[in-house]
């Protein structure tokens, strides 16, 4: 159980260090409602694109399964952020 907590905390720290989500999007002439709508669409598309991602641990132990689950969550979260950012830029937004 202690190993599981250590793995989870390590994964959370790694995730918080790697996430590069854009906080504020802007586009000339776009209202806040339009920005929010476009961002929601991009996030939906990113979640759809990553919905089936999973890996299989080579070790069948509980700690390996937990580690793989946490690792998958980190990979998916980072990919969703990247896809959302790319989608917004393709729609003509700039972020800060």
C-alpha atoms as a PDB file:
ATOM      1  CA  UNK A   1       0.000   0.000   0.000  1.00  0.00           C
ATOM      2  CA  UNK A   2       2.844   2.366   0.801  1.00  0.00           C
ATOM      3  CA  UNK A   3       4.414   1.721  -2.600  1.00  0.00           C
ATOM      4  CA  UNK A   4       1.099   2.565  -4.272  1.00  0.00           C
ATOM      5  CA  UNK A   5       0.954   5.918  -2.468  1.00  0.00           C
ATOM      6  CA  UNK A   6       4.540   6.660  -3.457  1.00  0.00           C
ATOM      7  CA  UNK A   7       3.785   5.858  -7.104  1.00  0.00           C
ATOM      8  CA  UNK A   8       0.673   8.060  -7.070  1.00  0.00           C
ATOM      9  CA  UNK A   9       2.448  11.039  -5.501  1.00  0.00           C
ATOM     10  CA  UNK A  10       5.378  10.708  -7.885  1.00  0.00           C
ATOM     11  CA  UNK A  11       3.003  10.609 -10.834  1.00  0.00           C
ATOM     12  CA  UNK A  12       1.083  13.654  -9.619  1.00  0.00           C
ATOM     13  CA  UNK A  13       4.285  15.624  -9.192  1.00  0.00           C
ATOM     14  CA  UNK A  14       5.455  14.617 -12.648  1.00  0.00           C
ATOM     15  CA  UNK A  15       2.112  15.583 -14.167  1.00  0.00           C
ATOM     16  CA  UNK A  16       2.099  18.996 -12.537  1.00  0.00           C
ATOM     17  CA  UNK A  17       5.615  19.643 -13.843  1.00  0.00           C
ATOM     18  CA  UNK A  18       4.821  18.624 -17.438  1.00  0.00           C
ATOM     19  CA  UNK A  19       1.439  20.202 -18.102  1.00  0.00           C
ATOM     20  CA  UNK A  20       1.690  23.188 -20.424  1.00  0.00           C
ATOM     21  CA  UNK A  21      -1.946  24.154 -20.776  1.00  0.00           C
ATOM     22  CA  UNK A  22      -2.689  27.620 -22.113  1.00  0.00           C
ATOM     23  CA  UNK A  23      -4.647  29.750 -19.624  1.00  0.00           C
ATOM     24  CA  UNK A  24      -5.804  32.589 -21.867  1.00  0.00           C
ATOM     25  CA  UNK A  25      -6.711  32.342 -25.541  1.00  0.00           C
ATOM     26  CA  UNK A  26      -7.265  35.381 -27.718  1.00  0.00           C
ATOM     27  CA  UNK A  27      -8.291  36.052 -31.290  1.00  0.00           C
ATOM     28  CA  UNK A  28      -9.080  39.419 -32.848  1.00  0.00           C
ATOM     29  CA  UNK A  29     -12.848  39.915 -32.944  1.00  0.00           C
ATOM     30  CA  UNK A  30     -13.684  36.824 -30.864  1.00  0.00           C
ATOM     31  CA  UNK A  31     -16.017  37.236 -27.901  1.00  0.00           C
ATOM     32  CA  UNK A  32     -15.423  35.364 -24.669  1.00  0.00           C
ATOM     33  CA  UNK A  33     -18.434  33.176 -25.472  1.00  0.00           C
ATOM     34  CA  UNK A  34     -16.886  32.230 -28.837  1.00  0.00           C
ATOM     35  CA  UNK A  35     -13.530  31.483 -27.221  1.00  0.00           C
ATOM     36  CA  UNK A  36     -15.186  29.307 -24.556  1.00  0.00           C
ATOM     37  CA  UNK A  37     -17.226  27.455 -27.197  1.00  0.00           C
ATOM     38  CA  UNK A  38     -14.217  26.802 -29.428  1.00  0.00           C
ATOM     39  CA  UNK A  39     -12.127  25.646 -26.464  1.00  0.00           C
ATOM     40  CA  UNK A  40     -14.890  23.270 -25.346  1.00  0.00           C
ATOM     41  CA  UNK A  41     -15.087  21.814 -28.865  1.00  0.00           C
ATOM     42  CA  UNK A  42     -11.316  21.371 -28.997  1.00  0.00           C
ATOM     43  CA  UNK A  43     -11.279  19.689 -25.584  1.00  0.00           C
ATOM     44  CA  UNK A  44     -14.103  17.363 -26.643  1.00  0.00           C
ATOM     45  CA  UNK A  45     -12.209  16.386 -29.799  1.00  0.00           C
ATOM     46  CA  UNK A  46      -9.007  15.816 -27.790  1.00  0.00           C
ATOM     47  CA  UNK A  47     -10.835  13.573 -25.317  1.00  0.00           C
ATOM     48  CA  UNK A  48     -12.429  11.625 -28.165  1.00  0.00           C
ATOM     49  CA  UNK A  49      -9.053  11.153 -29.840  1.00  0.00           C
ATOM     50  CA  UNK A  50      -7.478   9.715 -26.683  1.00  0.00           C
ATOM     51  CA  UNK A  51     -10.434   7.705 -25.336  1.00  0.00           C
ATOM     52  CA  UNK A  52      -9.084   4.291 -26.261  1.00  0.00           C
ATOM     53  CA  UNK A  53      -5.495   4.728 -25.065  1.00  0.00           C
ATOM     54  CA  UNK A  54      -4.186   2.152 -22.592  1.00  0.00           C
ATOM     55  CA  UNK A  55      -1.027   0.173 -22.071  1.00  0.00           C
ATOM     56  CA  UNK A  56      -0.517  -3.269 -20.598  1.00  0.00           C
ATOM     57  CA  UNK A  57       2.116  -3.689 -17.886  1.00  0.00           C
ATOM     58  CA  UNK A  58       4.573  -6.529 -18.456  1.00  0.00           C
ATOM     59  CA  UNK A  59       4.479  -7.348 -14.752  1.00  0.00           C
ATOM     60  CA  UNK A  60       1.083  -8.602 -13.540  1.00  0.00           C
ATOM     61  CA  UNK A  61       1.445  -7.388  -9.947  1.00  0.00           C
ATOM     62  CA  UNK A  62      -0.935  -4.895  -8.337  1.00  0.00           C
ATOM     63  CA  UNK A  63       1.729  -2.197  -8.078  1.00  0.00           C
ATOM     64  CA  UNK A  64       2.574  -2.605 -11.788  1.00  0.00           C
ATOM     65  CA  UNK A  65      -1.097  -2.308 -12.705  1.00  0.00           C
ATOM     66  CA  UNK A  66      -1.501   0.808 -10.573  1.00  0.00           C
ATOM     67  CA  UNK A  67       1.673   2.291 -12.022  1.00  0.00           C
ATOM     68  CA  UNK A  68       0.495   1.569 -15.566  1.00  0.00           C
ATOM     69  CA  UNK A  69      -2.879   3.149 -14.827  1.00  0.00           C
ATOM     70  CA  UNK A  70      -1.299   6.276 -13.407  1.00  0.00           C
ATOM     71  CA  UNK A  71       1.190   6.416 -16.263  1.00  0.00           C
ATOM     72  CA  UNK A  72      -1.613   6.074 -18.805  1.00  0.00           C
ATOM     73  CA  UNK A  73      -3.475   8.905 -17.103  1.00  0.00           C
ATOM     74  CA  UNK A  74      -0.436  11.165 -17.341  1.00  0.00           C
ATOM     75  CA  UNK A  75       0.169  10.335 -21.004  1.00  0.00           C
ATOM     76  CA  UNK A  76      -3.491  10.887 -21.882  1.00  0.00           C
ATOM     77  CA  UNK A  77      -3.673  14.194 -19.983  1.00  0.00           C
ATOM     78  CA  UNK A  78      -0.546  15.532 -21.694  1.00  0.00           C
ATOM     79  CA  UNK A  79      -1.795  14.418 -25.121  1.00  0.00           C
ATOM     80  CA  UNK A  80      -5.201  16.026 -24.543  1.00  0.00           C
ATOM     81  CA  UNK A  81      -3.561  19.313 -23.611  1.00  0.00           C
ATOM     82  CA  UNK A  82      -1.337  19.206 -26.705  1.00  0.00           C
ATOM     83  CA  UNK A  83      -4.278  18.357 -28.974  1.00  0.00           C
ATOM     84  CA  UNK A  84      -6.439  21.109 -27.451  1.00  0.00           C
ATOM     85  CA  UNK A  85      -3.657  23.675 -27.878  1.00  0.00           C
ATOM     86  CA  UNK A  86      -3.063  22.602 -31.496  1.00  0.00           C
ATOM     87  CA  UNK A  87      -6.785  22.761 -32.258  1.00  0.00           C
ATOM     88  CA  UNK A  88      -7.101  26.277 -30.846  1.00  0.00           C
ATOM     89  CA  UNK A  89      -4.059  27.481 -32.807  1.00  0.00           C
ATOM     90  CA  UNK A  90      -5.505  25.964 -35.995  1.00  0.00           C
ATOM     91  CA  UNK A  91      -8.670  27.993 -35.344  1.00  0.00           C
ATOM     92  CA  UNK A  92      -6.575  31.156 -35.316  1.00  0.00           C
ATOM     93  CA  UNK A  93      -6.130  31.704 -31.587  1.00  0.00           C
ATOM     94  CA  UNK A  94      -2.978  32.703 -29.788  1.00  0.00           C
ATOM     95  CA  UNK A  95      -2.395  31.686 -26.223  1.00  0.00           C
ATOM     96  CA  UNK A  96      -0.604  32.919 -23.161  1.00  0.00           C
END
